[in-house]
PDB file of all heavy atoms in Angstrom:
ATOM      1  N   PRO A   1     -47.940 -24.843 -69.995  1.00  0.00           N
ATOM      2  CA  PRO A   1     -46.645 -24.256 -70.351  1.00  0.00           C
ATOM      3  C   PRO A   1     -45.733 -24.183 -69.124  1.00  0.00           C
ATOM      4  O   PRO A   1     -46.207 -24.310 -67.986  1.00  0.00           O
ATOM      5  CB  PRO A   1     -47.002 -22.859 -70.853  1.00  0.00           C
ATOM      6  CG  PRO A   1     -48.364 -22.584 -70.359  1.00  0.00           C
ATOM      7  CD  PRO A   1     -49.030 -23.898 -70.084  1.00  0.00           C
ATOM      8  N   LEU A   2     -44.446 -23.977 -69.365  1.00  0.00           N
ATOM      9  CA  LEU A   2     -43.464 -23.941 -68.283  1.00  0.00           C
ATOM     10  C   LEU A   2     -42.677 -22.639 -68.367  1.00  0.00           C
ATOM     11  O   LEU A   2     -42.087 -22.334 -69.407  1.00  0.00           O
ATOM     12  CB  LEU A   2     -42.516 -25.135 -68.405  1.00  0.00           C
ATOM     13  CG  LEU A   2     -41.351 -25.191 -67.433  1.00  0.00           C
ATOM     14  CD1 LEU A   2     -41.849 -25.379 -66.005  1.00  0.00           C
ATOM     15  CD2 LEU A   2     -40.410 -26.323 -67.822  1.00  0.00           C
ATOM     16  N   LEU A   3     -42.666 -21.880 -67.293  1.00  0.00           N
ATOM     17  CA  LEU A   3     -41.940 -20.617 -67.224  1.00  0.00           C
ATOM     18  C   LEU A   3     -40.664 -20.822 -66.423  1.00  0.00           C
ATOM     19  O   LEU A   3     -40.721 -21.327 -65.296  1.00  0.00           O
ATOM     20  CB  LEU A   3     -42.813 -19.539 -66.566  1.00  0.00           C
ATOM     21  CG  LEU A   3     -42.205 -18.161 -66.397  1.00  0.00           C
ATOM     22  CD1 LEU A   3     -41.905 -17.529 -67.760  1.00  0.00           C
ATOM     23  CD2 LEU A   3     -43.150 -17.269 -65.592  1.00  0.00           C
ATOM     24  N   ILE A   4     -39.534 -20.427 -67.013  1.00  0.00           N
ATOM     25  CA  ILE A   4     -38.236 -20.602 -66.349  1.00  0.00           C
ATOM     26  C   ILE A   4     -37.524 -19.257 -66.303  1.00  0.00           C
ATOM     27  O   ILE A   4     -37.618 -18.461 -67.234  1.00  0.00           O
ATOM     28  CB  ILE A   4     -37.377 -21.638 -67.108  1.00  0.00           C
ATOM     29  CG1 ILE A   4     -37.991 -23.005 -66.938  1.00  0.00           C
ATOM     30  CG2 ILE A   4     -35.938 -21.619 -66.652  1.00  0.00           C
ATOM     31  CD1 ILE A   4     -37.171 -24.146 -67.425  1.00  0.00           C
ATOM     32  N   ASN A   5     -36.793 -19.014 -65.223  1.00  0.00           N
ATOM     33  CA  ASN A   5     -35.943 -17.834 -65.071  1.00  0.00           C
ATOM     34  C   ASN A   5     -36.765 -16.541 -64.989  1.00  0.00           C
ATOM     35  O   ASN A   5     -36.283 -15.470 -65.342  1.00  0.00           O
ATOM     36  CB  ASN A   5     -34.922 -17.761 -66.219  1.00  0.00           C
ATOM     37  CG  ASN A   5     -33.691 -16.943 -65.873  1.00  0.00           C
ATOM     38  OD1 ASN A   5     -33.415 -16.704 -64.707  1.00  0.00           O
ATOM     39  ND2 ASN A   5     -32.971 -16.522 -66.880  1.00  0.00           N
ATOM     40  N   ALA A   6     -37.978 -16.634 -64.485  1.00  0.00           N
ATOM     41  CA  ALA A   6     -38.848 -15.465 -64.402  1.00  0.00           C
ATOM     42  C   ALA A   6     -38.290 -14.400 -63.458  1.00  0.00           C
ATOM     43  O   ALA A   6     -38.504 -13.214 -63.663  1.00  0.00           O
ATOM     44  CB  ALA A   6     -40.247 -15.878 -63.943  1.00  0.00           C
ATOM     45  N   PHE A   7     -37.575 -14.817 -62.428  1.00  0.00           N
ATOM     46  CA  PHE A   7     -37.027 -13.882 -61.438  1.00  0.00           C
ATOM     47  C   PHE A   7     -35.503 -13.889 -61.474  1.00  0.00           C
ATOM     48  O   PHE A   7     -34.851 -13.616 -60.472  1.00  0.00           O
ATOM     49  CB  PHE A   7     -37.529 -14.246 -60.035  1.00  0.00           C
ATOM     50  CG  PHE A   7     -39.017 -14.397 -59.975  1.00  0.00           C
ATOM     51  CD1 PHE A   7     -39.601 -15.652 -59.839  1.00  0.00           C
ATOM     52  CD2 PHE A   7     -39.845 -13.295 -60.086  1.00  0.00           C
ATOM     53  CE1 PHE A   7     -40.973 -15.798 -59.796  1.00  0.00           C
ATOM     54  CE2 PHE A   7     -41.230 -13.430 -60.050  1.00  0.00           C
ATOM     55  CZ  PHE A   7     -41.794 -14.680 -59.903  1.00  0.00           C
ATOM     56  N   GLY A   8     -34.936 -14.179 -62.652  1.00  0.00           N
ATOM     57  CA  GLY A   8     -33.498 -14.379 -62.786  1.00  0.00           C
ATOM     58  C   GLY A   8     -32.664 -13.127 -62.933  1.00  0.00           C
ATOM     59  O   GLY A   8     -31.460 -13.217 -63.094  1.00  0.00           O
ATOM     60  N   SER A   9     -33.272 -11.947 -62.867  1.00  0.00           N
ATOM     61  CA  SER A   9     -32.494 -10.712 -62.953  1.00  0.00           C
ATOM     62  C   SER A   9     -33.103  -9.678 -62.015  1.00  0.00           C
ATOM     63  O   SER A   9     -34.272  -9.777 -61.631  1.00  0.00           O
ATOM     64  CB  SER A   9     -32.486 -10.166 -64.380  1.00  0.00           C
ATOM     65  OG  SER A   9     -33.747  -9.628 -64.723  1.00  0.00           O
ATOM     66  N   VAL A  10     -32.304  -8.693 -61.677  1.00  0.00           N
ATOM     67  CA  VAL A  10     -32.795  -7.617 -60.823  1.00  0.00           C
ATOM     68  C   VAL A  10     -33.962  -6.911 -61.505  1.00  0.00           C
ATOM     69  O   VAL A  10     -34.978  -6.604 -60.874  1.00  0.00           O
ATOM     70  CB  VAL A  10     -31.660  -6.613 -60.499  1.00  0.00           C
ATOM     71  CG1 VAL A  10     -32.198  -5.389 -59.790  1.00  0.00           C
ATOM     72  CG2 VAL A  10     -30.585  -7.294 -59.655  1.00  0.00           C
ATOM     73  N   ARG A  11     -33.853  -6.688 -62.804  1.00  0.00           N
ATOM     74  CA  ARG A  11     -34.927  -6.013 -63.548  1.00  0.00           C
ATOM     75  C   ARG A  11     -36.243  -6.789 -63.444  1.00  0.00           C
ATOM     76  O   ARG A  11     -37.304  -6.212 -63.215  1.00  0.00           O
ATOM     77  CB  ARG A  11     -34.510  -5.856 -65.021  1.00  0.00           C
ATOM     78  CG  ARG A  11     -35.595  -5.308 -65.907  1.00  0.00           C
ATOM     79  CD  ARG A  11     -35.838  -3.833 -65.671  1.00  0.00           C
ATOM     80  NE  ARG A  11     -36.893  -3.359 -66.550  1.00  0.00           N
ATOM     81  CZ  ARG A  11     -37.967  -2.716 -66.132  1.00  0.00           C
ATOM     82  NH1 ARG A  11     -38.115  -2.407 -64.870  1.00  0.00           N
ATOM     83  NH2 ARG A  11     -38.885  -2.335 -66.982  1.00  0.00           N
ATOM     84  N   ARG A  12     -36.184  -8.097 -63.590  1.00  0.00           N
ATOM     85  CA  ARG A  12     -37.412  -8.895 -63.511  1.00  0.00           C
ATOM     86  C   ARG A  12     -37.966  -8.934 -62.086  1.00  0.00           C
ATOM     87  O   ARG A  12     -39.179  -8.971 -61.889  1.00  0.00           O
ATOM     88  CB  ARG A  12     -37.182 -10.291 -64.077  1.00  0.00           C
ATOM     89  CG  ARG A  12     -37.012 -10.259 -65.591  1.00  0.00           C
ATOM     90  CD  ARG A  12     -37.125 -11.601 -66.235  1.00  0.00           C
ATOM     91  NE  ARG A  12     -36.040 -12.502 -65.950  1.00  0.00           N
ATOM     92  CZ  ARG A  12     -34.881 -12.530 -66.603  1.00  0.00           C
ATOM     93  NH1 ARG A  12     -34.659 -11.696 -67.594  1.00  0.00           N
ATOM     94  NH2 ARG A  12     -33.953 -13.405 -66.288  1.00  0.00           N
ATOM     95  N   MET A  13     -37.089  -8.894 -61.087  1.00  0.00           N
ATOM     96  CA  MET A  13     -37.566  -8.822 -59.702  1.00  0.00           C
ATOM     97  C   MET A  13     -38.276  -7.486 -59.460  1.00  0.00           C
ATOM     98  O   MET A  13     -39.316  -7.433 -58.808  1.00  0.00           O
ATOM     99  CB  MET A  13     -36.396  -8.973 -58.718  1.00  0.00           C
ATOM    100  CG  MET A  13     -35.791 -10.360 -58.707  1.00  0.00           C
ATOM    101  SD  MET A  13     -36.913 -11.615 -58.084  1.00  0.00           S
ATOM    102  CE  MET A  13     -37.027 -11.148 -56.382  1.00  0.00           C
ATOM    103  N   GLU A  14     -37.725  -6.406 -60.014  1.00  0.00           N
ATOM    104  CA  GLU A  14     -38.375  -5.102 -59.886  1.00  0.00           C
ATOM    105  C   GLU A  14     -39.742  -5.109 -60.567  1.00  0.00           C
ATOM    106  O   GLU A  14     -40.708  -4.554 -60.037  1.00  0.00           O
ATOM    107  CB  GLU A  14     -37.483  -4.008 -60.479  1.00  0.00           C
ATOM    108  CG  GLU A  14     -36.229  -3.762 -59.679  1.00  0.00           C
ATOM    109  CD  GLU A  14     -35.206  -2.892 -60.390  1.00  0.00           C
ATOM    110  OE1 GLU A  14     -35.346  -2.644 -61.607  1.00  0.00           O
ATOM    111  OE2 GLU A  14     -34.243  -2.475 -59.710  1.00  0.00           O
ATOM    112  N   LEU A  15     -39.829  -5.747 -61.724  1.00  0.00           N
ATOM    113  CA  LEU A  15     -41.121  -5.857 -62.407  1.00  0.00           C
ATOM    114  C   LEU A  15     -42.099  -6.681 -61.572  1.00  0.00           C
ATOM    115  O   LEU A  15     -43.280  -6.341 -61.466  1.00  0.00           O
ATOM    116  CB  LEU A  15     -40.947  -6.500 -63.783  1.00  0.00           C
ATOM    117  CG  LEU A  15     -40.235  -5.654 -64.833  1.00  0.00           C
ATOM    118  CD1 LEU A  15     -39.924  -6.492 -66.077  1.00  0.00           C
ATOM    119  CD2 LEU A  15     -41.061  -4.436 -65.203  1.00  0.00           C
ATOM    120  N   ALA A  16     -41.614  -7.759 -60.961  1.00  0.00           N
ATOM    121  CA  ALA A  16     -42.481  -8.618 -60.147  1.00  0.00           C
ATOM    122  C   ALA A  16     -43.046  -7.863 -58.947  1.00  0.00           C
ATOM    123  O   ALA A  16     -44.227  -7.983 -58.619  1.00  0.00           O
ATOM    124  CB  ALA A  16     -41.720  -9.856 -59.689  1.00  0.00           C
ATOM    125  N   PHE A  17     -42.190  -7.065 -58.293  1.00  0.00           N
ATOM    126  CA  PHE A  17     -42.617  -6.310 -57.115  1.00  0.00           C
ATOM    127  C   PHE A  17     -43.221  -4.957 -57.474  1.00  0.00           C
ATOM    128  O   PHE A  17     -43.694  -4.235 -56.592  1.00  0.00           O
ATOM    129  CB  PHE A  17     -41.437  -6.084 -56.161  1.00  0.00           C
ATOM    130  CG  PHE A  17     -41.027  -7.309 -55.400  1.00  0.00           C
ATOM    131  CD1 PHE A  17     -39.766  -7.839 -55.550  1.00  0.00           C
ATOM    132  CD2 PHE A  17     -41.910  -7.926 -54.527  1.00  0.00           C
ATOM    133  CE1 PHE A  17     -39.372  -8.959 -54.842  1.00  0.00           C
ATOM    134  CE2 PHE A  17     -41.531  -9.052 -53.816  1.00  0.00           C
ATOM    135  CZ  PHE A  17     -40.259  -9.569 -53.970  1.00  0.00           C
ATOM    136  N   GLU A  18     -43.180  -4.613 -58.765  1.00  0.00           N
ATOM    137  CA  GLU A  18     -43.702  -3.341 -59.257  1.00  0.00           C
ATOM    138  C   GLU A  18     -43.060  -2.155 -58.544  1.00  0.00           C
ATOM    139  O   GLU A  18     -43.728  -1.276 -58.011  1.00  0.00           O
ATOM    140  CB  GLU A  18     -45.221  -3.299 -59.141  1.00  0.00           C
ATOM    141  CG  GLU A  18     -45.887  -4.358 -59.988  1.00  0.00           C
ATOM    142  CD  GLU A  18     -47.394  -4.338 -59.892  1.00  0.00           C
ATOM    143  OE1 GLU A  18     -47.931  -4.461 -58.767  1.00  0.00           O
ATOM    144  OE2 GLU A  18     -48.030  -4.192 -60.942  1.00  0.00           O
ATOM    145  N   VAL A  19     -41.719  -2.154 -58.529  1.00  0.00           N
ATOM    146  CA  VAL A  19     -40.941  -1.073 -57.935  1.00  0.00           C
ATOM    147  C   VAL A  19     -39.873  -0.618 -58.926  1.00  0.00           C
ATOM    148  O   VAL A  19     -39.562  -1.315 -59.888  1.00  0.00           O
ATOM    149  CB  VAL A  19     -40.275  -1.510 -56.608  1.00  0.00           C
ATOM    150  CG1 VAL A  19     -41.321  -1.837 -55.555  1.00  0.00           C
ATOM    151  CG2 VAL A  19     -39.336  -2.689 -56.811  1.00  0.00           C
ATOM    152  N   ASN A  20     -39.304   0.560 -58.676  1.00  0.00           N
ATOM    153  CA  ASN A  20     -38.228   1.069 -59.526  1.00  0.00           C
ATOM    154  C   ASN A  20     -36.861   0.583 -59.078  1.00  0.00           C
ATOM    155  O   ASN A  20     -35.898   0.645 -59.828  1.00  0.00           O
ATOM    156  CB  ASN A  20     -38.249   2.598 -59.549  1.00  0.00           C
ATOM    157  CG  ASN A  20     -39.493   3.117 -60.240  1.00  0.00           C
ATOM    158  OD1 ASN A  20     -39.906   2.586 -61.260  1.00  0.00           O
ATOM    159  ND2 ASN A  20     -40.099   4.136 -59.675  1.00  0.00           N
ATOM    160  N   GLY A  21     -36.758   0.135 -57.836  1.00  0.00           N
ATOM    161  CA  GLY A  21     -35.519  -0.402 -57.302  1.00  0.00           C
ATOM    162  C   GLY A  21     -35.842  -1.313 -56.131  1.00  0.00           C
ATOM    163  O   GLY A  21     -36.806  -1.069 -55.397  1.00  0.00           O
ATOM    164  N   LEU A  22     -35.039  -2.361 -55.952  1.00  0.00           N
ATOM    165  CA  LEU A  22     -35.323  -3.305 -54.868  1.00  0.00           C
ATOM    166  C   LEU A  22     -35.172  -2.667 -53.492  1.00  0.00           C
ATOM    167  O   LEU A  22     -35.739  -3.147 -52.521  1.00  0.00           O
ATOM    168  CB  LEU A  22     -34.428  -4.540 -54.998  1.00  0.00           C
ATOM    169  CG  LEU A  22     -34.718  -5.430 -56.202  1.00  0.00           C
ATOM    170  CD1 LEU A  22     -33.771  -6.614 -56.240  1.00  0.00           C
ATOM    171  CD2 LEU A  22     -36.156  -5.903 -56.205  1.00  0.00           C
ATOM    172  N   GLY A  23     -34.437  -1.551 -53.425  1.00  0.00           N
ATOM    173  CA  GLY A  23     -34.309  -0.833 -52.161  1.00  0.00           C
ATOM    174  C   GLY A  23     -35.649  -0.351 -51.628  1.00  0.00           C
ATOM    175  O   GLY A  23     -35.816  -0.191 -50.408  1.00  0.00           O
ATOM    176  N   GLU A  24     -36.602  -0.130 -52.527  1.00  0.00           N
ATOM    177  CA  GLU A  24     -37.942   0.298 -52.095  1.00  0.00           C
ATOM    178  C   GLU A  24     -38.595  -0.758 -51.203  1.00  0.00           C
ATOM    179  O   GLU A  24     -39.295  -0.422 -50.240  1.00  0.00           O
ATOM    180  CB  GLU A  24     -38.842   0.562 -53.302  1.00  0.00           C
ATOM    181  CG  GLU A  24     -38.466   1.784 -54.098  1.00  0.00           C
ATOM    182  CD  GLU A  24     -39.382   1.986 -55.299  1.00  0.00           C
ATOM    183  OE1 GLU A  24     -40.594   1.707 -55.190  1.00  0.00           O
ATOM    184  OE2 GLU A  24     -38.874   2.419 -56.346  1.00  0.00           O
ATOM    185  N   ILE A  25     -38.362  -2.016 -51.525  1.00  0.00           N
ATOM    186  CA  ILE A  25     -38.936  -3.102 -50.718  1.00  0.00           C
ATOM    187  C   ILE A  25     -38.319  -3.080 -49.319  1.00  0.00           C
ATOM    188  O   ILE A  25     -39.027  -3.192 -48.320  1.00  0.00           O
ATOM    189  CB  ILE A  25     -38.699  -4.475 -51.390  1.00  0.00           C
ATOM    190  CG1 ILE A  25     -39.322  -4.510 -52.770  1.00  0.00           C
ATOM    191  CG2 ILE A  25     -39.200  -5.611 -50.521  1.00  0.00           C
ATOM    192  CD1 ILE A  25     -40.820  -4.375 -52.786  1.00  0.00           C
ATOM    193  N   ALA A  26     -37.003  -2.918 -49.254  1.00  0.00           N
ATOM    194  CA  ALA A  26     -36.319  -2.868 -47.954  1.00  0.00           C
ATOM    195  C   ALA A  26     -36.839  -1.697 -47.117  1.00  0.00           C
ATOM    196  O   ALA A  26     -37.061  -1.848 -45.912  1.00  0.00           O
ATOM    197  CB  ALA A  26     -34.808  -2.751 -48.162  1.00  0.00           C
ATOM    198  N   GLU A  27     -37.037  -0.553 -47.760  1.00  0.00           N
ATOM    199  CA  GLU A  27     -37.546   0.622 -47.039  1.00  0.00           C
ATOM    200  C   GLU A  27     -38.939   0.355 -46.480  1.00  0.00           C
ATOM    201  O   GLU A  27     -39.245   0.741 -45.344  1.00  0.00           O
ATOM    202  CB  GLU A  27     -37.582   1.834 -47.962  1.00  0.00           C
ATOM    203  CG  GLU A  27     -36.210   2.366 -48.317  1.00  0.00           C
ATOM    204  CD  GLU A  27     -36.250   3.438 -49.401  1.00  0.00           C
ATOM    205  OE1 GLU A  27     -37.359   3.949 -49.707  1.00  0.00           O
ATOM    206  OE2 GLU A  27     -35.179   3.751 -49.949  1.00  0.00           O
ATOM    207  N   ARG A  28     -39.789  -0.302 -47.266  1.00  0.00           N
ATOM    208  CA  ARG A  28     -41.145  -0.595 -46.793  1.00  0.00           C
ATOM    209  C   ARG A  28     -41.109  -1.547 -45.608  1.00  0.00           C
ATOM    210  O   ARG A  28     -41.829  -1.364 -44.617  1.00  0.00           O
ATOM    211  CB  ARG A  28     -41.982  -1.189 -47.918  1.00  0.00           C
ATOM    212  CG  ARG A  28     -42.345  -0.135 -48.966  1.00  0.00           C
ATOM    213  CD  ARG A  28     -42.989  -0.729 -50.180  1.00  0.00           C
ATOM    214  NE  ARG A  28     -44.267  -1.349 -49.891  1.00  0.00           N
ATOM    215  CZ  ARG A  28     -44.954  -2.056 -50.784  1.00  0.00           C
ATOM    216  NH1 ARG A  28     -44.492  -2.215 -52.009  1.00  0.00           N
ATOM    217  NH2 ARG A  28     -46.113  -2.588 -50.464  1.00  0.00           N
ATOM    218  N   ILE A  29     -40.260  -2.556 -45.685  1.00  0.00           N
ATOM    219  CA  ILE A  29     -40.149  -3.521 -44.578  1.00  0.00           C
ATOM    220  C   ILE A  29     -39.634  -2.823 -43.331  1.00  0.00           C
ATOM    221  O   ILE A  29     -40.161  -3.026 -42.228  1.00  0.00           O
ATOM    222  CB  ILE A  29     -39.244  -4.705 -44.978  1.00  0.00           C
ATOM    223  CG1 ILE A  29     -39.937  -5.536 -46.060  1.00  0.00           C
ATOM    224  CG2 ILE A  29     -38.901  -5.564 -43.763  1.00  0.00           C
ATOM    225  CD1 ILE A  29     -39.065  -6.582 -46.693  1.00  0.00           C
ATOM    226  N   GLN A  30     -38.603  -1.970 -43.485  1.00  0.00           N
ATOM    227  CA  GLN A  30     -38.072  -1.240 -42.333  1.00  0.00           C
ATOM    228  C   GLN A  30     -39.129  -0.344 -41.718  1.00  0.00           C
ATOM    229  O   GLN A  30     -39.201  -0.208 -40.494  1.00  0.00           O
ATOM    230  CB  GLN A  30     -36.855  -0.415 -42.744  1.00  0.00           C
ATOM    231  CG  GLN A  30     -35.624  -1.252 -42.968  1.00  0.00           C
ATOM    232  CD  GLN A  30     -34.426  -0.432 -43.462  1.00  0.00           C
ATOM    233  OE1 GLN A  30     -34.598   0.694 -43.913  1.00  0.00           O
ATOM    234  NE2 GLN A  30     -33.248  -1.001 -43.368  1.00  0.00           N
ATOM    235  N   GLY A  31     -39.959   0.266 -42.562  1.00  0.00           N
ATOM    236  CA  GLY A  31     -41.032   1.110 -42.050  1.00  0.00           C
ATOM    237  C   GLY A  31     -41.988   0.338 -41.156  1.00  0.00           C
ATOM    238  O   GLY A  31     -42.433   0.849 -40.115  1.00  0.00           O
ATOM    239  N   PHE A  32     -42.284  -0.903 -41.527  1.00  0.00           N
ATOM    240  CA  PHE A  32     -43.175  -1.719 -40.694  1.00  0.00           C
ATOM    241  C   PHE A  32     -42.478  -2.163 -39.418  1.00  0.00           C
ATOM    242  O   PHE A  32     -43.090  -2.229 -38.355  1.00  0.00           O
ATOM    243  CB  PHE A  32     -43.679  -2.938 -41.469  1.00  0.00           C
ATOM    244  CG  PHE A  32     -44.695  -2.593 -42.510  1.00  0.00           C
ATOM    245  CD1 PHE A  32     -44.430  -2.812 -43.845  1.00  0.00           C
ATOM    246  CD2 PHE A  32     -45.912  -2.039 -42.164  1.00  0.00           C
ATOM    247  CE1 PHE A  32     -45.357  -2.484 -44.817  1.00  0.00           C
ATOM    248  CE2 PHE A  32     -46.853  -1.708 -43.117  1.00  0.00           C
ATOM    249  CZ  PHE A  32     -46.575  -1.925 -44.450  1.00  0.00           C
ATOM    250  N   LEU A  33     -41.195  -2.465 -39.512  1.00  0.00           N
ATOM    251  CA  LEU A  33     -40.468  -2.922 -38.333  1.00  0.00           C
ATOM    252  C   LEU A  33     -40.269  -1.800 -37.311  1.00  0.00           C
ATOM    253  O   LEU A  33     -40.167  -2.057 -36.117  1.00  0.00           O
ATOM    254  CB  LEU A  33     -39.106  -3.501 -38.739  1.00  0.00           C
ATOM    255  CG  LEU A  33     -39.164  -4.787 -39.569  1.00  0.00           C
ATOM    256  CD1 LEU A  33     -37.765  -5.209 -39.991  1.00  0.00           C
ATOM    257  CD2 LEU A  33     -39.839  -5.908 -38.792  1.00  0.00           C
ATOM    258  N   LYS A  34     -40.213  -0.568 -37.778  1.00  0.00           N
ATOM    259  CA  LYS A  34     -39.977   0.574 -36.892  1.00  0.00           C
ATOM    260  C   LYS A  34     -41.275   1.183 -36.356  1.00  0.00           C
ATOM    261  O   LYS A  34     -41.230   2.182 -35.658  1.00  0.00           O
ATOM    262  CB  LYS A  34     -39.179   1.651 -37.639  1.00  0.00           C
ATOM    263  CG  LYS A  34     -37.763   1.242 -37.924  1.00  0.00           C
ATOM    264  CD  LYS A  34     -37.026   2.340 -38.655  1.00  0.00           C
ATOM    265  CE  LYS A  34     -35.609   1.908 -38.978  1.00  0.00           C
ATOM    266  NZ  LYS A  34     -34.900   2.944 -39.753  1.00  0.00           N
ATOM    267  N   MET A  35     -42.414   0.592 -36.681  1.00  0.00           N
ATOM    268  CA  MET A  35     -43.686   1.151 -36.206  1.00  0.00           C
ATOM    269  C   MET A  35     -43.728   1.125 -34.681  1.00  0.00           C
ATOM    270  O   MET A  35     -43.356   0.135 -34.058  1.00  0.00           O
ATOM    271  CB  MET A  35     -44.876   0.360 -36.755  1.00  0.00           C
ATOM    272  CG  MET A  35     -45.291   0.788 -38.119  1.00  0.00           C
ATOM    273  SD  MET A  35     -46.953   0.268 -38.597  1.00  0.00           S
ATOM    274  CE  MET A  35     -46.919  -1.473 -38.435  1.00  0.00           C
ATOM    275  N   GLU A  36     -44.166   2.234 -34.135  1.00  0.00           N
ATOM    276  CA  GLU A  36     -44.305   2.339 -32.683  1.00  0.00           C
ATOM    277  C   GLU A  36     -45.793   2.405 -32.325  1.00  0.00           C
ATOM    278  O   GLU A  36     -46.619   2.823 -33.129  1.00  0.00           O
ATOM    279  CB  GLU A  36     -43.582   3.579 -32.180  1.00  0.00           C
ATOM    280  CG  GLU A  36     -42.078   3.508 -32.414  1.00  0.00           C
ATOM    281  CD  GLU A  36     -41.358   4.754 -31.945  1.00  0.00           C
ATOM    282  OE1 GLU A  36     -41.959   5.536 -31.168  1.00  0.00           O
ATOM    283  OE2 GLU A  36     -40.213   4.941 -32.354  1.00  0.00           O
ATOM    284  N   THR A  37     -46.099   2.022 -31.132  1.00  0.00           N
ATOM    285  CA  THR A  37     -47.487   2.077 -30.663  1.00  0.00           C
ATOM    286  C   THR A  37     -47.939   3.529 -30.615  1.00  0.00           C
ATOM    287  O   THR A  37     -47.253   4.372 -30.037  1.00  0.00           O
ATOM    288  CB  THR A  37     -47.593   1.445 -29.258  1.00  0.00           C
ATOM    289  OG1 THR A  37     -47.052   0.131 -29.306  1.00  0.00           O
ATOM    290  CG2 THR A  37     -49.036   1.392 -28.791  1.00  0.00           C
TER     291      THR A  37
END
């Protein structure tokens, strides 16, 4: 089978990443970038 447009909306991206908002992903990335020794 062929799947098309699976990530074609913000809602589907949130489902893919299993988050309530895409901002959660940015916050997680920033948390890793700001890690100090």
